[in-house]
Amino acid sequence: MGSGKLPKQVCRPKSESQSKFIQDRISAVEKNFGQMCDTFSSYIRKTARLRDKGDQVSKDMMAYVEGETLNPSAKKQYTEFSQNLAAIQDYRNAQVTRLETKVQHPLSNYGLKCKHTKADLKAAFAARDKETKIRKKLDVARTKGDSRQIATLETDLQRASVDASRTTKNLEQQADKFELEKLQDAKKVMTDFVMIEMGFHAKALEVYSQCYQNLNDVSVDADIKAFRSKMRPSNSSTRMTMARSGSTSSTGTYDDTPRADLQPGVPTAGNQPARRLPARPVQNGNMLDDDDEEEEEESEEDDEESEEEETDDETEVETERTERDGNVQPSLAK
């Protein structure tokens, strides 16, 4: 009997510590995986909202392009840009679907797995508690010396010990299986997450490169030239019309009446041609204006005055010579 009590004292603390260890591991997995599931759910929702905003940007760009009529280069390239941006959102939608299937759902299933493992742990605790109760009753019966009760309790204890050993062994196997599945599932979930992100970003980078090429192919010079050609012809045509009307009105001021001296039977003063307005002088191929004419006339008057003064001087000199000659001749005669 004494030899049967030693295993009881040794095995019991080991079973309790083992159960506590398993229980702590299950609780930690339930907490951490639950937190990761919530975080990934939020990540997926925000990615879906980003997809929707991307679709809205594509629609806004297409609406802008449809109303554009003056920039042919921008219209063509922005149309392709909007289509490529919409294609990226299609890839993002596939990303959202795959994240829900391969990341969120496996993590959410761990809540149920943890519950099942905890239920098995409770069954193991119940079997152990049953064994402990029967062992206590057996000790009391041995103290009283009731042989019939002792035999019954020993049979029950043996059966409870077998059940406790079996449930404990099953619990160890289940805990080992749970830990293995947790490691494998965590690795697979994170690998799937990375592969999904890499696939999306690889496709998105390819299409974003096309978007960049579309933006690079927008010819600002050609578009601004088209805009200016659309804006300026109306003003230039107006100026041309005004110039033409001005030239027509200026040509219309001339008198188209035939000359009187050329008409038969019309008397004229000595058949002299009609007086015409003097033409404006031209200097170096340019017609002089009124101020230039006045300056020209003043210069001519100055020239005439100087010539008259020179003539007067020459006349005085001739007179003096004549007088001297006259005085000299009488003296010679004497």
Foldseek 3Di string as FASTA:
>chain_A
DVVVVVCVVVVVVVLVVVLVVLLVVLVVLLVVLVVVLVVLVVVLVVLLVVLVVLLVVLVVLLVVLVPDDQFVLLSVLSPLLSVLSNVLSVLSVVLSVLCVVQANVVSVCSNVVSVVLVVLSVQLVVLVVQLVVLVVVLVVCVVVVPPVVNVVSVVVNVVSVVVNVVSSVVSVVSSVVVVVCSVVSVVRNVVSNVVSVVVSVVSSVVSVVSSVVSVVRRDPVVSVVSVCVVPPPVVVVVVVVVVVVVVVVVVVVDDPDDWQLPDPPRDDDVSDGDDDDDAADADPNHGDDPVVVVVVVVVVVVVVVVVVVVVVVVVVVVVVVVVVVVVVVVVVVD
